[in-house]
Amino acid sequence: MLNAFNPDKLEEIVEKVKTENKDVTPASIEELIKDKTEKFQNDAAKVFTGELNEFIENVRKALEQRVDNLNPDQIMTAGWDKDNKVKANELINDFASWIDENKDELLALQIFLGNLIEDEN
C-alpha cells in the first residue's frame, strides 16, 4: 500500500509509459500515466476490504477527537495558585487517610494480583 504513493514507484510508471509510447502525443501520454497510476493505486488498495475496513473505521471512531470551535473555553484567571502547597498537602493527607481506612482491601487486592502474576509465570 505504501508503494502506491511512493514517488520512486510513481516515477517508474511515468518513465515506463514514456518509453513504451514514444510516438504518442503528450496529452495521450499524460492520460496513460494517469490510468496506470490509478490502476497501481487501486490494486494496492484492494487489501482494504470487508473486515479490515470495518476494524479501521471502528478504531478511528473510538479514538476520534472532536474539537469544539463553536464553544471555546474562557480563561477566568491566569497565574500561580498561592495555596497550591496547602492543597497538595491536603490531597496527600486525604490519600494517606484513605489508604489507612482501606488497608485491608488493599492487602487483599495485592494478594489477589500477586497470585494472578504467579499463575501467568
N, C-alpha and C. Protein backbone atom coordinates (compact mmCIF):
# COMPACT_ATOMS: atom_id res chain seq x y z
N MET A 1 0.83 -1.19 0.00
CA MET A 1 0.00 0.00 0.00
C MET A 1 0.87 1.26 0.00
N LEU A 2 1.95 1.22 0.76
CA LEU A 2 2.82 2.40 0.82
C LEU A 2 3.46 2.70 -0.53
N ASN A 3 3.73 1.66 -1.30
CA ASN A 3 4.33 1.87 -2.62
C ASN A 3 3.38 2.60 -3.57
N ALA A 4 2.10 2.55 -3.29
CA ALA A 4 1.12 3.21 -4.17
C ALA A 4 1.34 4.72 -4.22
N PHE A 5 1.98 5.26 -3.20
CA PHE A 5 2.25 6.71 -3.17
C PHE A 5 3.74 7.01 -3.07
N ASN A 6 4.54 5.99 -3.28
CA ASN A 6 5.99 6.15 -3.26
C ASN A 6 6.41 6.92 -4.52
N PRO A 7 7.05 8.08 -4.36
CA PRO A 7 7.43 8.88 -5.53
C PRO A 7 8.32 8.12 -6.52
N ASP A 8 9.17 7.25 -6.01
CA ASP A 8 10.04 6.48 -6.91
C ASP A 8 9.23 5.52 -7.78
N LYS A 9 8.26 4.84 -7.17
CA LYS A 9 7.42 3.92 -7.93
C LYS A 9 6.58 4.67 -8.95
N LEU A 10 6.05 5.82 -8.55
CA LEU A 10 5.25 6.62 -9.47
C LEU A 10 6.11 7.13 -10.63
N GLU A 11 7.35 7.48 -10.34
CA GLU A 11 8.27 7.92 -11.39
C GLU A 11 8.59 6.77 -12.34
N GLU A 12 8.70 5.55 -11.80
CA GLU A 12 8.91 4.39 -12.66
C GLU A 12 7.77 4.21 -13.65
N ILE A 13 6.56 4.42 -13.18
CA ILE A 13 5.38 4.32 -14.07
C ILE A 13 5.48 5.36 -15.17
N VAL A 14 5.83 6.58 -14.80
CA VAL A 14 5.94 7.67 -15.77
C VAL A 14 6.99 7.33 -16.83
N GLU A 15 8.16 6.90 -16.38
CA GLU A 15 9.25 6.57 -17.31
C GLU A 15 8.88 5.40 -18.22
N LYS A 16 8.24 4.39 -17.66
CA LYS A 16 7.84 3.23 -18.44
C LYS A 16 6.83 3.61 -19.52
N VAL A 17 5.85 4.43 -19.14
CA VAL A 17 4.84 4.87 -20.12
C VAL A 17 5.49 5.69 -21.22
N LYS A 18 6.38 6.59 -20.84
CA LYS A 18 7.05 7.42 -21.84
C LYS A 18 7.93 6.60 -22.76
N THR A 19 8.61 5.60 -22.21
CA THR A 19 9.50 4.74 -23.01
C THR A 19 8.69 3.88 -23.98
N GLU A 20 7.58 3.33 -23.52
CA GLU A 20 6.77 2.43 -24.35
C GLU A 20 5.90 3.16 -25.36
N ASN A 21 5.72 4.48 -25.20
CA ASN A 21 4.81 5.23 -26.06
C ASN A 21 5.47 6.47 -26.62
N LYS A 22 6.57 6.28 -27.33
CA LYS A 22 7.32 7.42 -27.86
C LYS A 22 6.60 8.13 -29.01
N ASP A 23 5.75 7.42 -29.72
CA ASP A 23 5.07 8.01 -30.87
C ASP A 23 3.69 8.58 -30.53
N VAL A 24 3.39 8.76 -29.25
CA VAL A 24 2.07 9.20 -28.82
C VAL A 24 2.15 10.67 -28.39
N THR A 25 1.04 11.39 -28.52
CA THR A 25 1.01 12.82 -28.15
C THR A 25 1.19 12.98 -26.64
N PRO A 26 1.71 14.13 -26.23
CA PRO A 26 1.89 14.37 -24.79
C PRO A 26 0.58 14.24 -24.00
N ALA A 27 -0.53 14.68 -24.57
CA ALA A 27 -1.81 14.57 -23.87
C ALA A 27 -2.17 13.11 -23.65
N SER A 28 -1.92 12.28 -24.66
CA SER A 28 -2.21 10.85 -24.55
C SER A 28 -1.29 10.19 -23.52
N ILE A 29 -0.03 10.63 -23.49
CA ILE A 29 0.92 10.09 -22.51
C ILE A 29 0.46 10.43 -21.09
N GLU A 30 0.02 11.67 -20.89
CA GLU A 30 -0.48 12.07 -19.57
C GLU A 30 -1.69 11.23 -19.17
N GLU A 31 -2.57 10.97 -20.12
CA GLU A 31 -3.75 10.14 -19.85
C GLU A 31 -3.34 8.71 -19.50
N LEU A 32 -2.36 8.15 -20.23
CA LEU A 32 -1.86 6.81 -19.94
C LEU A 32 -1.20 6.74 -18.56
N ILE A 33 -0.43 7.78 -18.24
CA ILE A 33 0.21 7.84 -16.93
C ILE A 33 -0.84 7.87 -15.83
N LYS A 34 -1.86 8.69 -16.03
CA LYS A 34 -2.94 8.79 -15.05
C LYS A 34 -3.64 7.44 -14.88
N ASP A 35 -3.95 6.77 -15.99
CA ASP A 35 -4.62 5.47 -15.94
C ASP A 35 -3.76 4.42 -15.23
N LYS A 36 -2.47 4.35 -15.60
CA LYS A 36 -1.57 3.36 -14.99
C LYS A 36 -1.39 3.63 -13.49
N THR A 37 -1.28 4.91 -13.13
CA THR A 37 -1.12 5.28 -11.72
C THR A 37 -2.36 4.90 -10.92
N GLU A 38 -3.53 5.22 -11.46
CA GLU A 38 -4.77 4.87 -10.77
C GLU A 38 -4.92 3.37 -10.61
N LYS A 39 -4.57 2.61 -11.65
CA LYS A 39 -4.66 1.15 -11.57
C LYS A 39 -3.70 0.64 -10.51
N PHE A 40 -2.48 1.16 -10.48
CA PHE A 40 -1.48 0.76 -9.50
C PHE A 40 -1.97 1.03 -8.07
N GLN A 41 -2.54 2.21 -7.86
CA GLN A 41 -3.03 2.58 -6.53
C GLN A 41 -4.27 1.78 -6.15
N ASN A 42 -5.16 1.53 -7.10
CA ASN A 42 -6.35 0.73 -6.82
C ASN A 42 -5.99 -0.71 -6.49
N ASP A 43 -5.01 -1.26 -7.21
CA ASP A 43 -4.56 -2.63 -6.91
C ASP A 43 -3.99 -2.71 -5.50
N ALA A 44 -3.25 -1.69 -5.11
CA ALA A 44 -2.66 -1.69 -3.77
C ALA A 44 -3.73 -1.57 -2.69
N ALA A 45 -4.83 -0.89 -3.01
CA ALA A 45 -5.89 -0.65 -2.02
C ALA A 45 -6.86 -1.82 -1.90
N LYS A 46 -6.74 -2.83 -2.74
CA LYS A 46 -7.67 -3.96 -2.72
C LYS A 46 -7.64 -4.73 -1.40
N VAL A 47 -6.52 -4.67 -0.68
CA VAL A 47 -6.44 -5.40 0.59
C VAL A 47 -7.35 -4.79 1.66
N PHE A 48 -7.73 -3.54 1.46
CA PHE A 48 -8.56 -2.85 2.44
C PHE A 48 -10.03 -3.04 2.12
N THR A 49 -10.52 -4.23 2.42
CA THR A 49 -11.92 -4.53 2.17
C THR A 49 -12.50 -5.26 3.37
N GLY A 50 -13.82 -5.30 3.44
CA GLY A 50 -14.53 -6.11 4.42
C GLY A 50 -14.17 -5.85 5.86
N GLU A 51 -13.74 -6.91 6.55
CA GLU A 51 -13.48 -6.83 7.97
C GLU A 51 -12.40 -5.82 8.32
N LEU A 52 -11.37 -5.73 7.49
CA LEU A 52 -10.29 -4.78 7.77
C LEU A 52 -10.82 -3.35 7.73
N ASN A 53 -11.65 -3.02 6.74
CA ASN A 53 -12.24 -1.68 6.67
C ASN A 53 -13.08 -1.40 7.91
N GLU A 54 -13.89 -2.37 8.32
CA GLU A 54 -14.74 -2.19 9.49
C GLU A 54 -13.88 -1.97 10.73
N PHE A 55 -12.82 -2.77 10.87
CA PHE A 55 -11.94 -2.63 12.02
C PHE A 55 -11.29 -1.24 12.05
N ILE A 56 -10.76 -0.80 10.93
CA ILE A 56 -10.11 0.51 10.85
C ILE A 56 -11.11 1.62 11.18
N GLU A 57 -12.32 1.51 10.65
CA GLU A 57 -13.35 2.52 10.91
C GLU A 57 -13.74 2.53 12.38
N ASN A 58 -13.87 1.36 12.99
CA ASN A 58 -14.22 1.29 14.41
C ASN A 58 -13.12 1.87 15.29
N VAL A 59 -11.86 1.60 14.94
CA VAL A 59 -10.74 2.18 15.70
C VAL A 59 -10.74 3.70 15.54
N ARG A 60 -10.97 4.16 14.32
CA ARG A 60 -11.00 5.61 14.08
C ARG A 60 -12.10 6.27 14.91
N LYS A 61 -13.29 5.66 14.93
CA LYS A 61 -14.40 6.22 15.71
C LYS A 61 -14.08 6.24 17.19
N ALA A 62 -13.46 5.16 17.69
CA ALA A 62 -13.16 5.07 19.11
C ALA A 62 -12.12 6.09 19.55
N LEU A 63 -11.17 6.39 18.66
CA LEU A 63 -10.07 7.28 19.03
C LEU A 63 -10.24 8.71 18.51
N GLU A 64 -11.33 8.96 17.84
CA GLU A 64 -11.53 10.27 17.23
C GLU A 64 -11.65 11.35 18.30
N GLN A 65 -10.99 12.45 18.07
CA GLN A 65 -11.09 13.59 18.96
C GLN A 65 -11.84 14.70 18.22
N ARG A 66 -12.74 15.29 18.92
CA ARG A 66 -13.50 16.38 18.31
C ARG A 66 -13.10 17.70 18.94
N VAL A 67 -12.88 18.67 18.10
CA VAL A 67 -12.51 19.99 18.56
C VAL A 67 -13.74 20.88 18.44
N ASP A 68 -14.12 21.46 19.55
CA ASP A 68 -15.30 22.32 19.58
C ASP A 68 -14.85 23.76 19.36
N ASN A 69 -14.99 24.23 18.14
CA ASN A 69 -14.62 25.61 17.82
C ASN A 69 -15.75 26.59 18.08
N LEU A 70 -16.96 26.08 18.27
CA LEU A 70 -18.11 26.94 18.48
C LEU A 70 -18.23 27.42 19.92
N ASN A 71 -17.74 26.63 20.87
CA ASN A 71 -17.85 26.96 22.28
C ASN A 71 -16.47 26.95 22.94
N PRO A 72 -15.63 27.92 22.61
CA PRO A 72 -14.28 27.91 23.17
C PRO A 72 -14.29 28.16 24.68
N ASP A 73 -13.30 27.60 25.37
CA ASP A 73 -13.16 27.83 26.80
C ASP A 73 -12.72 29.27 27.02
N GLN A 74 -13.06 29.77 28.21
CA GLN A 74 -12.65 31.12 28.57
C GLN A 74 -11.74 31.04 29.79
N ILE A 75 -10.64 31.76 29.73
CA ILE A 75 -9.71 31.79 30.86
C ILE A 75 -10.24 32.79 31.86
N MET A 76 -10.47 32.30 33.08
CA MET A 76 -11.00 33.17 34.13
C MET A 76 -9.87 33.93 34.82
N THR A 77 -8.81 33.20 35.13
CA THR A 77 -7.63 33.82 35.74
C THR A 77 -6.40 33.10 35.24
N ALA A 78 -5.30 33.79 35.27
CA ALA A 78 -4.03 33.18 34.89
C ALA A 78 -3.02 33.55 35.96
N GLY A 79 -2.28 32.57 36.40
CA GLY A 79 -1.27 32.86 37.41
C GLY A 79 -1.03 31.67 38.30
N TRP A 80 -0.16 31.86 39.24
CA TRP A 80 0.23 30.81 40.16
C TRP A 80 -0.76 30.75 41.31
N ASP A 81 -1.20 29.54 41.66
CA ASP A 81 -2.12 29.35 42.78
C ASP A 81 -1.34 29.51 44.08
N LYS A 82 -1.70 30.49 44.87
CA LYS A 82 -0.97 30.79 46.11
C LYS A 82 -1.10 29.66 47.13
N ASP A 83 -2.21 28.95 47.07
CA ASP A 83 -2.47 27.91 48.06
C ASP A 83 -2.12 26.52 47.55
N ASN A 84 -1.28 26.42 46.51
CA ASN A 84 -1.03 25.11 45.92
C ASN A 84 -0.32 24.16 46.88
N LYS A 85 0.57 24.64 47.73
CA LYS A 85 1.25 23.77 48.69
C LYS A 85 0.26 23.25 49.72
N VAL A 86 -0.62 24.11 50.17
CA VAL A 86 -1.62 23.70 51.15
C VAL A 86 -2.56 22.66 50.54
N LYS A 87 -3.00 22.91 49.31
CA LYS A 87 -3.89 21.98 48.63
C LYS A 87 -3.19 20.64 48.36
N ALA A 88 -1.91 20.70 47.99
CA ALA A 88 -1.17 19.47 47.74
C ALA A 88 -1.03 18.66 49.03
N ASN A 89 -0.73 19.32 50.13
CA ASN A 89 -0.61 18.62 51.41
C ASN A 89 -1.96 18.03 51.85
N GLU A 90 -3.04 18.76 51.61
CA GLU A 90 -4.37 18.24 51.93
C GLU A 90 -4.67 16.99 51.11
N LEU A 91 -4.32 17.03 49.84
CA LEU A 91 -4.54 15.89 48.97
C LEU A 91 -3.74 14.68 49.44
N ILE A 92 -2.49 14.91 49.80
CA ILE A 92 -1.63 13.82 50.29
C ILE A 92 -2.21 13.25 51.59
N ASN A 93 -2.63 14.13 52.49
CA ASN A 93 -3.20 13.66 53.76
C ASN A 93 -4.51 12.91 53.54
N ASP A 94 -5.34 13.39 52.62
CA ASP A 94 -6.59 12.69 52.31
C ASP A 94 -6.30 11.30 51.75
N PHE A 95 -5.32 11.21 50.87
CA PHE A 95 -4.97 9.92 50.28
C PHE A 95 -4.40 8.98 51.34
N ALA A 96 -3.55 9.50 52.22
CA ALA A 96 -2.99 8.68 53.29
C ALA A 96 -4.10 8.18 54.20
N SER A 97 -5.07 9.02 54.49
CA SER A 97 -6.22 8.60 55.31
C SER A 97 -7.02 7.51 54.60
N TRP A 98 -7.23 7.70 53.33
CA TRP A 98 -7.97 6.70 52.55
C TRP A 98 -7.25 5.35 52.56
N ILE A 99 -5.93 5.39 52.42
CA ILE A 99 -5.14 4.16 52.46
C ILE A 99 -5.29 3.48 53.82
N ASP A 100 -5.21 4.27 54.91
CA ASP A 100 -5.37 3.70 56.25
C ASP A 100 -6.75 3.08 56.42
N GLU A 101 -7.78 3.75 55.92
CA GLU A 101 -9.15 3.25 56.06
C GLU A 101 -9.40 1.99 55.23
N ASN A 102 -8.66 1.83 54.12
CA ASN A 102 -8.91 0.73 53.19
C ASN A 102 -7.74 -0.24 53.10
N LYS A 103 -6.90 -0.28 54.13
CA LYS A 103 -5.70 -1.11 54.04
C LYS A 103 -6.03 -2.60 53.92
N ASP A 104 -7.13 -3.07 54.52
CA ASP A 104 -7.49 -4.48 54.39
C ASP A 104 -7.86 -4.81 52.94
N GLU A 105 -8.63 -3.94 52.30
CA GLU A 105 -9.00 -4.17 50.91
C GLU A 105 -7.77 -4.09 50.00
N LEU A 106 -6.87 -3.18 50.30
CA LEU A 106 -5.65 -3.06 49.50
C LEU A 106 -4.77 -4.29 49.65
N LEU A 107 -4.67 -4.83 50.87
CA LEU A 107 -3.89 -6.03 51.10
C LEU A 107 -4.49 -7.21 50.34
N ALA A 108 -5.82 -7.31 50.38
CA ALA A 108 -6.50 -8.39 49.64
C ALA A 108 -6.24 -8.24 48.14
N LEU A 109 -6.28 -7.03 47.66
CA LEU A 109 -6.03 -6.79 46.24
C LEU A 109 -4.59 -7.15 45.86
N GLN A 110 -3.65 -6.80 46.72
CA GLN A 110 -2.25 -7.16 46.47
C GLN A 110 -2.06 -8.66 46.41
N ILE A 111 -2.69 -9.39 47.34
CA ILE A 111 -2.58 -10.85 47.35
C ILE A 111 -3.20 -11.42 46.08
N PHE A 112 -4.39 -10.93 45.73
CA PHE A 112 -5.08 -11.42 44.53
C PHE A 112 -4.25 -11.18 43.28
N LEU A 113 -3.74 -9.96 43.11
CA LEU A 113 -2.94 -9.64 41.92
C LEU A 113 -1.62 -10.40 41.93
N GLY A 114 -1.03 -10.58 43.10
CA GLY A 114 0.20 -11.36 43.19
C GLY A 114 -0.02 -12.79 42.75
N ASN A 115 -1.17 -13.37 43.12
CA ASN A 115 -1.48 -14.73 42.70
C ASN A 115 -1.69 -14.80 41.19
N LEU A 116 -2.33 -13.78 40.62
CA LEU A 116 -2.54 -13.76 39.18
C LEU A 116 -1.21 -13.71 38.43
N ILE A 117 -0.30 -12.90 38.91
CA ILE A 117 1.01 -12.76 38.26
C ILE A 117 1.78 -14.09 38.36
N GLU A 118 1.73 -14.73 39.53
CA GLU A 118 2.41 -16.02 39.68
C GLU A 118 1.81 -17.06 38.76
N ASP A 119 0.47 -17.05 38.60
CA ASP A 119 -0.19 -18.01 37.71
C ASP A 119 0.22 -17.82 36.27
N GLU A 120 0.46 -16.58 35.86
CA GLU A 120 0.85 -16.31 34.47
C GLU A 120 2.27 -16.79 34.20
N ASN A 121 3.12 -16.74 35.19
CA ASN A 121 4.51 -17.16 35.00
C ASN A 121 4.58 -18.65 35.12
